[in-house]
C-alpha cells in the first residue's frame, strides 16, 4: 500500500490526503492512460 501510494502521488500526481482505502481510481481522476501508467509502474516496482 505504501509503495502504491508513492506511485500514485509521485508518478501520477495524486494528492496524498486523497488516498483512502475506499477511494476509487475514478474519484482520483485517473483515466485509462493513467491506469495504464499505473500498471506499468506496478510491473516495474513489484514484478507483476
ModelCIF file with pLDDT and N, C-alpha, C, O atoms, coordinates in Angstrom:
data_MODEL
#
_entry.id   MODEL 
#
_entity.id                         1 
_entity.type                       polymer 
_entity.pdbx_number_of_molecules   1 
#
_entity_poly.entity_id                      1 
_entity_poly.type                           'polypeptide(L)' 
_entity_poly.nstd_linkage                   no 
_entity_poly.nstd_monomer                   no 
_entity_poly.pdbx_seq_one_letter_code       
;(UNK)(UNK)(UNK)(UNK)(UNK)(UNK)(UNK)(UNK)(UNK)(UNK)(UNK)(UNK)(UNK)(UNK)(UNK)(UNK)
(UNK)(UNK)(UNK)(UNK)(UNK)(UNK)(UNK)(UNK)(UNK)(UNK)(UNK)(UNK)(UNK)(UNK)(UNK)(UNK)
(UNK)(UNK)(UNK)(UNK)(UNK)(UNK)(UNK)(UNK)(UNK)(UNK)(UNK)(UNK)(UNK)(UNK)(UNK)(UNK)
;
_entity_poly.pdbx_seq_one_letter_code_can   XXXXXXXXXXXXXXXXXXXXXXXXXXXXXXXXXXXXXXXXXXXXXXXX 
_entity_poly.pdbx_strand_id                 A 
#
loop_
_entity_poly_seq.entity_id 
_entity_poly_seq.num 
_entity_poly_seq.mon_id 
_entity_poly_seq.hetero 
1 1  UNK n 
1 2  UNK n 
1 3  UNK n 
1 4  UNK n 
1 5  UNK n 
1 6  UNK n 
1 7  UNK n 
1 8  UNK n 
1 9  UNK n 
1 10 UNK n 
1 11 UNK n 
1 12 UNK n 
1 13 UNK n 
1 14 UNK n 
1 15 UNK n 
1 16 UNK n 
1 17 UNK n 
1 18 UNK n 
1 19 UNK n 
1 20 UNK n 
1 21 UNK n 
1 22 UNK n 
1 23 UNK n 
1 24 UNK n 
1 25 UNK n 
1 26 UNK n 
1 27 UNK n 
1 28 UNK n 
1 29 UNK n 
1 30 UNK n 
1 31 UNK n 
1 32 UNK n 
1 33 UNK n 
1 34 UNK n 
1 35 UNK n 
1 36 UNK n 
1 37 UNK n 
1 38 UNK n 
1 39 UNK n 
1 40 UNK n 
1 41 UNK n 
1 42 UNK n 
1 43 UNK n 
1 44 UNK n 
1 45 UNK n 
1 46 UNK n 
1 47 UNK n 
1 48 UNK n 
#
_struct_asym.id          A 
_struct_asym.entity_id   1 
#
loop_
_ma_qa_metric.id 
_ma_qa_metric.mode 
_ma_qa_metric.name 
_ma_qa_metric.software_group_id 
_ma_qa_metric.type 
1 global pLDDT . pLDDT 
2 local  pLDDT . pLDDT 
#
_ma_qa_metric_global.metric_id      1 
_ma_qa_metric_global.metric_value   94.88 
_ma_qa_metric_global.model_id       1 
_ma_qa_metric_global.ordinal_id     1 
#
loop_
_ma_qa_metric_local.label_asym_id 
_ma_qa_metric_local.label_comp_id 
_ma_qa_metric_local.label_seq_id 
_ma_qa_metric_local.metric_id 
_ma_qa_metric_local.metric_value 
_ma_qa_metric_local.model_id 
_ma_qa_metric_local.ordinal_id 
A UNK 1  2 96.00 1 1  
A UNK 2  2 96.00 1 2  
A UNK 3  2 96.00 1 3  
A UNK 4  2 96.00 1 4  
A UNK 5  2 96.00 1 5  
A UNK 6  2 96.00 1 6  
A UNK 7  2 96.00 1 7  
A UNK 8  2 96.00 1 8  
A UNK 9  2 97.00 1 9  
A UNK 10 2 95.00 1 10 
A UNK 11 2 93.00 1 11 
A UNK 12 2 94.00 1 12 
A UNK 13 2 95.00 1 13 
A UNK 14 2 96.00 1 14 
A UNK 15 2 96.00 1 15 
A UNK 16 2 95.00 1 16 
A UNK 17 2 96.00 1 17 
A UNK 18 2 96.00 1 18 
A UNK 19 2 96.00 1 19 
A UNK 20 2 96.00 1 20 
A UNK 21 2 96.00 1 21 
A UNK 22 2 97.00 1 22 
A UNK 23 2 97.00 1 23 
A UNK 24 2 96.00 1 24 
A UNK 25 2 95.00 1 25 
A UNK 26 2 95.00 1 26 
A UNK 27 2 96.00 1 27 
A UNK 28 2 96.00 1 28 
A UNK 29 2 94.00 1 29 
A UNK 30 2 93.00 1 30 
A UNK 31 2 92.00 1 31 
A UNK 32 2 90.00 1 32 
A UNK 33 2 92.00 1 33 
A UNK 34 2 93.00 1 34 
A UNK 35 2 93.00 1 35 
A UNK 36 2 92.00 1 36 
A UNK 37 2 93.00 1 37 
A UNK 38 2 94.00 1 38 
A UNK 39 2 93.00 1 39 
A UNK 40 2 94.00 1 40 
A UNK 41 2 95.00 1 41 
A UNK 42 2 95.00 1 42 
A UNK 43 2 95.00 1 43 
A UNK 44 2 96.00 1 44 
A UNK 45 2 95.00 1 45 
A UNK 46 2 95.00 1 46 
A UNK 47 2 94.00 1 47 
A UNK 48 2 95.00 1 48 
#
loop_
_atom_site.group_PDB 
_atom_site.id 
_atom_site.type_symbol 
_atom_site.label_atom_id 
_atom_site.label_alt_id 
_atom_site.label_comp_id 
_atom_site.label_asym_id 
_atom_site.label_entity_id 
_atom_site.label_seq_id 
_atom_site.pdbx_PDB_ins_code 
_atom_site.Cartn_x 
_atom_site.Cartn_y 
_atom_site.Cartn_z 
_atom_site.occupancy 
_atom_site.B_iso_or_equiv 
_atom_site.pdbx_formal_charge 
_atom_site.auth_seq_id 
_atom_site.auth_comp_id 
_atom_site.auth_asym_id 
_atom_site.auth_atom_id 
_atom_site.pdbx_PDB_model_num 
ATOM 1   N N  . UNK A 1 1  ? 0.829   -1.202 0.000   1.00 96.00 ? 1  UNK A N  1 
ATOM 2   C CA . UNK A 1 1  ? 0.000   0.000  0.000   1.00 96.00 ? 1  UNK A CA 1 
ATOM 3   C C  . UNK A 1 1  ? 0.862   1.250  0.000   1.00 96.00 ? 1  UNK A C  1 
ATOM 4   O O  . UNK A 1 1  ? 0.547   2.218  -0.692  1.00 96.00 ? 1  UNK A O  1 
ATOM 5   N N  . UNK A 1 2  ? 1.926   1.244  0.753   1.00 96.00 ? 2  UNK A N  1 
ATOM 6   C CA . UNK A 1 2  ? 2.817   2.410  0.827   1.00 96.00 ? 2  UNK A CA 1 
ATOM 7   C C  . UNK A 1 2  ? 3.474   2.659  -0.529  1.00 96.00 ? 2  UNK A C  1 
ATOM 8   O O  . UNK A 1 2  ? 3.542   3.797  -0.996  1.00 96.00 ? 2  UNK A O  1 
ATOM 9   N N  . UNK A 1 3  ? 3.954   1.588  -1.155  1.00 96.00 ? 3  UNK A N  1 
ATOM 10  C CA . UNK A 1 3  ? 4.609   1.747  -2.458  1.00 96.00 ? 3  UNK A CA 1 
ATOM 11  C C  . UNK A 1 3  ? 3.616   2.182  -3.525  1.00 96.00 ? 3  UNK A C  1 
ATOM 12  O O  . UNK A 1 3  ? 3.947   3.001  -4.381  1.00 96.00 ? 3  UNK A O  1 
ATOM 13  N N  . UNK A 1 4  ? 2.400   1.642  -3.483  1.00 96.00 ? 4  UNK A N  1 
ATOM 14  C CA . UNK A 1 4  ? 1.377   2.083  -4.427  1.00 96.00 ? 4  UNK A CA 1 
ATOM 15  C C  . UNK A 1 4  ? 1.020   3.546  -4.198  1.00 96.00 ? 4  UNK A C  1 
ATOM 16  O O  . UNK A 1 4  ? 0.819   4.300  -5.150  1.00 96.00 ? 4  UNK A O  1 
ATOM 17  N N  . UNK A 1 5  ? 0.943   3.937  -2.946  1.00 96.00 ? 5  UNK A N  1 
ATOM 18  C CA . UNK A 1 5  ? 0.667   5.339  -2.625  1.00 96.00 ? 5  UNK A CA 1 
ATOM 19  C C  . UNK A 1 5  ? 1.772   6.231  -3.191  1.00 96.00 ? 5  UNK A C  1 
ATOM 20  O O  . UNK A 1 5  ? 1.490   7.307  -3.718  1.00 96.00 ? 5  UNK A O  1 
ATOM 21  N N  . UNK A 1 6  ? 3.017   5.792  -3.084  1.00 96.00 ? 6  UNK A N  1 
ATOM 22  C CA . UNK A 1 6  ? 4.139   6.558  -3.644  1.00 96.00 ? 6  UNK A CA 1 
ATOM 23  C C  . UNK A 1 6  ? 4.011   6.682  -5.157  1.00 96.00 ? 6  UNK A C  1 
ATOM 24  O O  . UNK A 1 6  ? 4.248   7.753  -5.716  1.00 96.00 ? 6  UNK A O  1 
ATOM 25  N N  . UNK A 1 7  ? 3.634   5.582  -5.828  1.00 96.00 ? 7  UNK A N  1 
ATOM 26  C CA . UNK A 1 7  ? 3.447   5.616  -7.278  1.00 96.00 ? 7  UNK A CA 1 
ATOM 27  C C  . UNK A 1 7  ? 2.348   6.611  -7.637  1.00 96.00 ? 7  UNK A C  1 
ATOM 28  O O  . UNK A 1 7  ? 2.511   7.445  -8.529  1.00 96.00 ? 7  UNK A O  1 
ATOM 29  N N  . UNK A 1 8  ? 1.238   6.510  -6.934  1.00 96.00 ? 8  UNK A N  1 
ATOM 30  C CA . UNK A 1 8  ? 0.105   7.387  -7.240  1.00 96.00 ? 8  UNK A CA 1 
ATOM 31  C C  . UNK A 1 8  ? 0.431   8.853  -6.993  1.00 96.00 ? 8  UNK A C  1 
ATOM 32  O O  . UNK A 1 8  ? 0.017   9.717  -7.765  1.00 96.00 ? 8  UNK A O  1 
ATOM 33  N N  . UNK A 1 9  ? 1.163   9.141  -5.935  1.00 97.00 ? 9  UNK A N  1 
ATOM 34  C CA . UNK A 1 9  ? 1.455   10.536 -5.621  1.00 97.00 ? 9  UNK A CA 1 
ATOM 35  C C  . UNK A 1 9  ? 2.604   11.087 -6.465  1.00 97.00 ? 9  UNK A C  1 
ATOM 36  O O  . UNK A 1 9  ? 2.497   12.188 -7.006  1.00 97.00 ? 9  UNK A O  1 
ATOM 37  N N  . UNK A 1 10 ? 3.687   10.344 -6.582  1.00 95.00 ? 10 UNK A N  1 
ATOM 38  C CA . UNK A 1 10 ? 4.870   10.865 -7.259  1.00 95.00 ? 10 UNK A CA 1 
ATOM 39  C C  . UNK A 1 10 ? 4.805   10.725 -8.780  1.00 95.00 ? 10 UNK A C  1 
ATOM 40  O O  . UNK A 1 10 ? 5.306   11.589 -9.501  1.00 95.00 ? 10 UNK A O  1 
ATOM 41  N N  . UNK A 1 11 ? 4.202   9.663  -9.267  1.00 93.00 ? 11 UNK A N  1 
ATOM 42  C CA . UNK A 1 11 ? 4.164   9.432  -10.710 1.00 93.00 ? 11 UNK A CA 1 
ATOM 43  C C  . UNK A 1 11 ? 2.906   10.004 -11.345 1.00 93.00 ? 11 UNK A C  1 
ATOM 44  O O  . UNK A 1 11 ? 2.956   10.572 -12.436 1.00 93.00 ? 11 UNK A O  1 
ATOM 45  N N  . UNK A 1 12 ? 1.775   9.851  -10.657 1.00 94.00 ? 12 UNK A N  1 
ATOM 46  C CA . UNK A 1 12 ? 0.505   10.236 -11.264 1.00 94.00 ? 12 UNK A CA 1 
ATOM 47  C C  . UNK A 1 12 ? -0.101  11.508 -10.675 1.00 94.00 ? 12 UNK A C  1 
ATOM 48  O O  . UNK A 1 12 ? -1.180  11.925 -11.094 1.00 94.00 ? 12 UNK A O  1 
ATOM 49  N N  . UNK A 1 13 ? 0.574   12.125 -9.716  1.00 95.00 ? 13 UNK A N  1 
ATOM 50  C CA . UNK A 1 13 ? 0.148   13.426 -9.216  1.00 95.00 ? 13 UNK A CA 1 
ATOM 51  C C  . UNK A 1 13 ? -1.049  13.441 -8.279  1.00 95.00 ? 13 UNK A C  1 
ATOM 52  O O  . UNK A 1 13 ? -1.683  14.481 -8.102  1.00 95.00 ? 13 UNK A O  1 
ATOM 53  N N  . UNK A 1 14 ? -1.363  12.307 -7.682  1.00 96.00 ? 14 UNK A N  1 
ATOM 54  C CA . UNK A 1 14 ? -2.472  12.249 -6.722  1.00 96.00 ? 14 UNK A CA 1 
ATOM 55  C C  . UNK A 1 14 ? -2.014  12.884 -5.409  1.00 96.00 ? 14 UNK A C  1 
ATOM 56  O O  . UNK A 1 14 ? -0.882  12.678 -4.972  1.00 96.00 ? 14 UNK A O  1 
ATOM 57  N N  . UNK A 1 15 ? -2.886  13.640 -4.799  1.00 96.00 ? 15 UNK A N  1 
ATOM 58  C CA . UNK A 1 15 ? -2.568  14.251 -3.505  1.00 96.00 ? 15 UNK A CA 1 
ATOM 59  C C  . UNK A 1 15 ? -2.618  13.173 -2.420  1.00 96.00 ? 15 UNK A C  1 
ATOM 60  O O  . UNK A 1 15 ? -3.579  12.405 -2.371  1.00 96.00 ? 15 UNK A O  1 
ATOM 61  N N  . UNK A 1 16 ? -1.614  13.096 -1.556  1.00 95.00 ? 16 UNK A N  1 
ATOM 62  C CA . UNK A 1 16 ? -1.567  12.051 -0.520  1.00 95.00 ? 16 UNK A CA 1 
ATOM 63  C C  . UNK A 1 16 ? -2.816  11.993 0.357   1.00 95.00 ? 16 UNK A C  1 
ATOM 64  O O  . UNK A 1 16 ? -3.249  10.909 0.747   1.00 95.00 ? 16 UNK A O  1 
ATOM 65  N N  . UNK A 1 17 ? -3.394  13.150 0.669   1.00 96.00 ? 17 UNK A N  1 
ATOM 66  C CA . UNK A 1 17 ? -4.565  13.158 1.546   1.00 96.00 ? 17 UNK A CA 1 
ATOM 67  C C  . UNK A 1 17 ? -5.798  12.558 0.874   1.00 96.00 ? 17 UNK A C  1 
ATOM 68  O O  . UNK A 1 17 ? -6.779  12.245 1.548   1.00 96.00 ? 17 UNK A O  1 
ATOM 69  N N  . UNK A 1 18 ? -5.756  12.395 -0.450  1.00 96.00 ? 18 UNK A N  1 
ATOM 70  C CA . UNK A 1 18 ? -6.872  11.791 -1.171  1.00 96.00 ? 18 UNK A CA 1 
ATOM 71  C C  . UNK A 1 18 ? -6.884  10.265 -1.062  1.00 96.00 ? 18 UNK A C  1 
ATOM 72  O O  . UNK A 1 18 ? -7.913  9.637  -1.313  1.00 96.00 ? 18 UNK A O  1 
ATOM 73  N N  . UNK A 1 19 ? -5.765  9.673  -0.697  1.00 96.00 ? 19 UNK A N  1 
ATOM 74  C CA . UNK A 1 19 ? -5.655  8.218  -0.671  1.00 96.00 ? 19 UNK A CA 1 
ATOM 75  C C  . UNK A 1 19 ? -6.268  7.635  0.594   1.00 96.00 ? 19 UNK A C  1 
ATOM 76  O O  . UNK A 1 19 ? -5.754  7.788  1.701   1.00 96.00 ? 19 UNK A O  1 
ATOM 77  N N  . UNK A 1 20 ? -7.394  6.959  0.375   1.00 96.00 ? 20 UNK A N  1 
ATOM 78  C CA . UNK A 1 20 ? -8.092  6.225  1.433   1.00 96.00 ? 20 UNK A CA 1 
ATOM 79  C C  . UNK A 1 20 ? -8.406  4.856  0.863   1.00 96.00 ? 20 UNK A C  1 
ATOM 80  O O  . UNK A 1 20 ? -8.483  4.706  -0.356  1.00 96.00 ? 20 UNK A O  1 
ATOM 81  N N  . UNK A 1 21 ? -8.589  3.863  1.700   1.00 96.00 ? 21 UNK A N  1 
ATOM 82  C CA . UNK A 1 21 ? -8.881  2.519  1.178   1.00 96.00 ? 21 UNK A CA 1 
ATOM 83  C C  . UNK A 1 21 ? -10.096 2.475  0.253   1.00 96.00 ? 21 UNK A C  1 
ATOM 84  O O  . UNK A 1 21 ? -10.129 1.678  -0.685  1.00 96.00 ? 21 UNK A O  1 
ATOM 85  N N  . UNK A 1 22 ? -11.098 3.326  0.510   1.00 97.00 ? 22 UNK A N  1 
ATOM 86  C CA . UNK A 1 22 ? -12.345 3.256  -0.251  1.00 97.00 ? 22 UNK A CA 1 
ATOM 87  C C  . UNK A 1 22 ? -12.414 4.206  -1.445  1.00 97.00 ? 22 UNK A C  1 
ATOM 88  O O  . UNK A 1 22 ? -13.431 4.236  -2.137  1.00 97.00 ? 22 UNK A O  1 
ATOM 89  N N  . UNK A 1 23 ? -11.366 4.976  -1.704  1.00 97.00 ? 23 UNK A N  1 
ATOM 90  C CA . UNK A 1 23 ? -11.412 5.916  -2.828  1.00 97.00 ? 23 UNK A CA 1 
ATOM 91  C C  . UNK A 1 23 ? -11.211 5.149  -4.142  1.00 97.00 ? 23 UNK A C  1 
ATOM 92  O O  . UNK A 1 23 ? -10.346 4.280  -4.243  1.00 97.00 ? 23 UNK A O  1 
ATOM 93  N N  . UNK A 1 24 ? -12.028 5.489  -5.139  1.00 96.00 ? 24 UNK A N  1 
ATOM 94  C CA . UNK A 1 24 ? -11.900 4.819  -6.435  1.00 96.00 ? 24 UNK A CA 1 
ATOM 95  C C  . UNK A 1 24 ? -10.875 5.537  -7.310  1.00 96.00 ? 24 UNK A C  1 
ATOM 96  O O  . UNK A 1 24 ? -10.526 6.696  -7.085  1.00 96.00 ? 24 UNK A O  1 
ATOM 97  N N  . UNK A 1 25 ? -10.415 4.809  -8.304  1.00 95.00 ? 25 UNK A N  1 
ATOM 98  C CA . UNK A 1 25 ? -9.477  5.399  -9.251  1.00 95.00 ? 25 UNK A CA 1 
ATOM 99  C C  . UNK A 1 25 ? -10.155 6.547  -10.013 1.00 95.00 ? 25 UNK A C  1 
ATOM 100 O O  . UNK A 1 25 ? -9.508  7.541  -10.341 1.00 95.00 ? 25 UNK A O  1 
ATOM 101 N N  . UNK A 1 26 ? -11.445 6.409  -10.290 1.00 95.00 ? 26 UNK A N  1 
ATOM 102 C CA . UNK A 1 26 ? -12.186 7.485  -10.962 1.00 95.00 ? 26 UNK A CA 1 
ATOM 103 C C  . UNK A 1 26 ? -12.238 8.729  -10.081 1.00 95.00 ? 26 UNK A C  1 
ATOM 104 O O  . UNK A 1 26 ? -12.086 9.845  -10.578 1.00 95.00 ? 26 UNK A O  1 
ATOM 105 N N  . UNK A 1 27 ? -12.451 8.546  -8.781  1.00 96.00 ? 27 UNK A N  1 
ATOM 106 C CA . UNK A 1 27 ? -12.501 9.683  -7.864  1.00 96.00 ? 27 UNK A CA 1 
ATOM 107 C C  . UNK A 1 27 ? -11.148 10.396 -7.791  1.00 96.00 ? 27 UNK A C  1 
ATOM 108 O O  . UNK A 1 27 ? -11.078 11.590 -7.500  1.00 96.00 ? 27 UNK A O  1 
ATOM 109 N N  . UNK A 1 28 ? -10.079 9.645  -8.060  1.00 96.00 ? 28 UNK A N  1 
ATOM 110 C CA . UNK A 1 28 ? -8.748  10.242 -8.102  1.00 96.00 ? 28 UNK A CA 1 
ATOM 111 C C  . UNK A 1 28 ? -8.464  10.866 -9.468  1.00 96.00 ? 28 UNK A C  1 
ATOM 112 O O  . UNK A 1 28 ? -7.374  11.378 -9.721  1.00 96.00 ? 28 UNK A O  1 
ATOM 113 N N  . UNK A 1 29 ? -9.480  10.810 -10.348 1.00 94.00 ? 29 UNK A N  1 
ATOM 114 C CA . UNK A 1 29 ? -9.405  11.372 -11.689 1.00 94.00 ? 29 UNK A CA 1 
ATOM 115 C C  . UNK A 1 29 ? -8.349  10.693 -12.556 1.00 94.00 ? 29 UNK A C  1 
ATOM 116 O O  . UNK A 1 29 ? -7.686  11.336 -13.369 1.00 94.00 ? 29 UNK A O  1 
ATOM 117 N N  . UNK A 1 30 ? -8.205  9.371  -12.367 1.00 93.00 ? 30 UNK A N  1 
ATOM 118 C CA . UNK A 1 30 ? -7.290  8.602  -13.203 1.00 93.00 ? 30 UNK A CA 1 
ATOM 119 C C  . UNK A 1 30 ? -8.053  8.070  -14.409 1.00 93.00 ? 30 UNK A C  1 
ATOM 120 O O  . UNK A 1 30 ? -9.018  7.319  -14.266 1.00 93.00 ? 30 UNK A O  1 
ATOM 121 N N  . UNK A 1 31 ? -7.614  8.463  -15.580 1.00 92.00 ? 31 UNK A N  1 
ATOM 122 C CA . UNK A 1 31 ? -8.245  7.982  -16.799 1.00 92.00 ? 31 UNK A CA 1 
ATOM 123 C C  . UNK A 1 31 ? -7.559  6.694  -17.256 1.00 92.00 ? 31 UNK A C  1 
ATOM 124 O O  . UNK A 1 31 ? -6.685  6.174  -16.564 1.00 92.00 ? 31 UNK A O  1 
ATOM 125 N N  . UNK A 1 32 ? -7.957  6.187  -18.414 1.00 90.00 ? 32 UNK A N  1 
ATOM 126 C CA . UNK A 1 32 ? -7.409  4.913  -18.878 1.00 90.00 ? 32 UNK A CA 1 
ATOM 127 C C  . UNK A 1 32 ? -5.905  4.992  -19.122 1.00 90.00 ? 32 UNK A C  1 
ATOM 128 O O  . UNK A 1 32 ? -5.193  4.015  -18.889 1.00 90.00 ? 32 UNK A O  1 
ATOM 129 N N  . UNK A 1 33 ? -5.415  6.131  -19.582 1.00 92.00 ? 33 UNK A N  1 
ATOM 130 C CA . UNK A 1 33 ? -3.975  6.291  -19.780 1.00 92.00 ? 33 UNK A CA 1 
ATOM 131 C C  . UNK A 1 33 ? -3.241  6.247  -18.441 1.00 92.00 ? 33 UNK A C  1 
ATOM 132 O O  . UNK A 1 33 ? -2.201  5.599  -18.325 1.00 92.00 ? 33 UNK A O  1 
ATOM 133 N N  . UNK A 1 34 ? -3.772  6.928  -17.437 1.00 93.00 ? 34 UNK A N  1 
ATOM 134 C CA . UNK A 1 34 ? -3.158  6.917  -16.104 1.00 93.00 ? 34 UNK A CA 1 
ATOM 135 C C  . UNK A 1 34 ? -3.187  5.512  -15.514 1.00 93.00 ? 34 UNK A C  1 
ATOM 136 O O  . UNK A 1 34 ? -2.239  5.103  -14.844 1.00 93.00 ? 34 UNK A O  1 
ATOM 137 N N  . UNK A 1 35 ? -4.268  4.770  -15.755 1.00 93.00 ? 35 UNK A N  1 
ATOM 138 C CA . UNK A 1 35 ? -4.338  3.395  -15.261 1.00 93.00 ? 35 UNK A CA 1 
ATOM 139 C C  . UNK A 1 35 ? -3.313  2.515  -15.958 1.00 93.00 ? 35 UNK A C  1 
ATOM 140 O O  . UNK A 1 35 ? -2.747  1.616  -15.336 1.00 93.00 ? 35 UNK A O  1 
ATOM 141 N N  . UNK A 1 36 ? -3.066  2.762  -17.245 1.00 92.00 ? 36 UNK A N  1 
ATOM 142 C CA . UNK A 1 36 ? -2.017  2.030  -17.959 1.00 92.00 ? 36 UNK A CA 1 
ATOM 143 C C  . UNK A 1 36 ? -0.647  2.360  -17.373 1.00 92.00 ? 36 UNK A C  1 
ATOM 144 O O  . UNK A 1 36 ? 0.196   1.477  -17.216 1.00 92.00 ? 36 UNK A O  1 
ATOM 145 N N  . UNK A 1 37 ? -0.429  3.630  -17.053 1.00 93.00 ? 37 UNK A N  1 
ATOM 146 C CA . UNK A 1 37 ? 0.822   4.048  -16.411 1.00 93.00 ? 37 UNK A CA 1 
ATOM 147 C C  . UNK A 1 37 ? 0.967   3.384  -15.047 1.00 93.00 ? 37 UNK A C  1 
ATOM 148 O O  . UNK A 1 37 ? 2.057   2.955  -14.668 1.00 93.00 ? 37 UNK A O  1 
ATOM 149 N N  . UNK A 1 38 ? -0.142  3.305  -14.313 1.00 94.00 ? 38 UNK A N  1 
ATOM 150 C CA . UNK A 1 38 ? -0.125  2.639  -13.015 1.00 94.00 ? 38 UNK A CA 1 
ATOM 151 C C  . UNK A 1 38 ? 0.257   1.169  -13.191 1.00 94.00 ? 38 UNK A C  1 
ATOM 152 O O  . UNK A 1 38 ? 1.077   0.645  -12.437 1.00 94.00 ? 38 UNK A O  1 
ATOM 153 N N  . UNK A 1 39 ? -0.334  0.508  -14.183 1.00 93.00 ? 39 UNK A N  1 
ATOM 154 C CA . UNK A 1 39 ? 0.001   -0.889 -14.444 1.00 93.00 ? 39 UNK A CA 1 
ATOM 155 C C  . UNK A 1 39 ? 1.471   -1.080 -14.766 1.00 93.00 ? 39 UNK A C  1 
ATOM 156 O O  . UNK A 1 39 ? 2.096   -2.025 -14.285 1.00 93.00 ? 39 UNK A O  1 
ATOM 157 N N  . UNK A 1 40 ? 2.026   -0.191 -15.576 1.00 94.00 ? 40 UNK A N  1 
ATOM 158 C CA . UNK A 1 40 ? 3.448   -0.269 -15.914 1.00 94.00 ? 40 UNK A CA 1 
ATOM 159 C C  . UNK A 1 40 ? 4.322   -0.037 -14.684 1.00 94.00 ? 40 UNK A C  1 
ATOM 160 O O  . UNK A 1 40 ? 5.329   -0.718 -14.493 1.00 94.00 ? 40 UNK A O  1 
ATOM 161 N N  . UNK A 1 41 ? 3.935   0.921  -13.857 1.00 95.00 ? 41 UNK A N  1 
ATOM 162 C CA . UNK A 1 41 ? 4.694   1.212  -12.638 1.00 95.00 ? 41 UNK A CA 1 
ATOM 163 C C  . UNK A 1 41 ? 4.616   0.044  -11.657 1.00 95.00 ? 41 UNK A C  1 
ATOM 164 O O  . UNK A 1 41 ? 5.596   -0.274 -10.984 1.00 95.00 ? 41 UNK A O  1 
ATOM 165 N N  . UNK A 1 42 ? 3.447   -0.591 -11.578 1.00 95.00 ? 42 UNK A N  1 
ATOM 166 C CA . UNK A 1 42 ? 3.297   -1.777 -10.714 1.00 95.00 ? 42 UNK A CA 1 
ATOM 167 C C  . UNK A 1 42 ? 4.230   -2.887 -11.205 1.00 95.00 ? 42 UNK A C  1 
ATOM 168 O O  . UNK A 1 42 ? 4.898   -3.545 -10.408 1.00 95.00 ? 42 UNK A O  1 
ATOM 169 N N  . UNK A 1 43 ? 4.268   -3.083 -12.511 1.00 95.00 ? 43 UNK A N  1 
ATOM 170 C CA . UNK A 1 43 ? 5.150   -4.112 -13.063 1.00 95.00 ? 43 UNK A CA 1 
ATOM 171 C C  . UNK A 1 43 ? 6.612   -3.797 -12.744 1.00 95.00 ? 43 UNK A C  1 
ATOM 172 O O  . UNK A 1 43 ? 7.364   -4.685 -12.342 1.00 95.00 ? 43 UNK A O  1 
ATOM 173 N N  . UNK A 1 44 ? 7.012   -2.551 -12.918 1.00 96.00 ? 44 UNK A N  1 
ATOM 174 C CA . UNK A 1 44 ? 8.389   -2.146 -12.624 1.00 96.00 ? 44 UNK A CA 1 
ATOM 175 C C  . UNK A 1 44 ? 8.725   -2.313 -11.144 1.00 96.00 ? 44 UNK A C  1 
ATOM 176 O O  . UNK A 1 44 ? 9.802   -2.799 -10.801 1.00 96.00 ? 44 UNK A O  1 
ATOM 177 N N  . UNK A 1 45 ? 7.804   -1.910 -10.269 1.00 95.00 ? 45 UNK A N  1 
ATOM 178 C CA . UNK A 1 45 ? 8.055   -1.912 -8.824  1.00 95.00 ? 45 UNK A CA 1 
ATOM 179 C C  . UNK A 1 45 ? 7.961   -3.304 -8.209  1.00 95.00 ? 45 UNK A C  1 
ATOM 180 O O  . UNK A 1 45 ? 8.780   -3.674 -7.367  1.00 95.00 ? 45 UNK A O  1 
ATOM 181 N N  . UNK A 1 46 ? 6.958   -4.074 -8.633  1.00 95.00 ? 46 UNK A N  1 
ATOM 182 C CA . UNK A 1 46 ? 6.670   -5.340 -7.960  1.00 95.00 ? 46 UNK A CA 1 
ATOM 183 C C  . UNK A 1 46 ? 6.953   -6.572 -8.817  1.00 95.00 ? 46 UNK A C  1 
ATOM 184 O O  . UNK A 1 46 ? 6.964   -7.692 -8.305  1.00 95.00 ? 46 UNK A O  1 
ATOM 185 N N  . UNK A 1 47 ? 7.179   -6.377 -10.113 1.00 94.00 ? 47 UNK A N  1 
ATOM 186 C CA . UNK A 1 47 ? 7.462   -7.504 -10.992 1.00 94.00 ? 47 UNK A CA 1 
ATOM 187 C C  . UNK A 1 47 ? 6.248   -8.346 -11.334 1.00 94.00 ? 47 UNK A C  1 
ATOM 188 O O  . UNK A 1 47 ? 6.389   -9.502 -11.733 1.00 94.00 ? 47 UNK A O  1 
ATOM 189 N N  . UNK A 1 48 ? 5.063   -7.785 -11.185 1.00 95.00 ? 48 UNK A N  1 
ATOM 190 C CA . UNK A 1 48 ? 3.829   -8.500 -11.515 1.00 95.00 ? 48 UNK A CA 1 
ATOM 191 C C  . UNK A 1 48 ? 2.974   -7.616 -12.411 1.00 95.00 ? 48 UNK A C  1 
ATOM 192 O O  . UNK A 1 48 ? 1.882   -8.018 -12.814 1.00 95.00 ? 48 UNK A O  1 
#
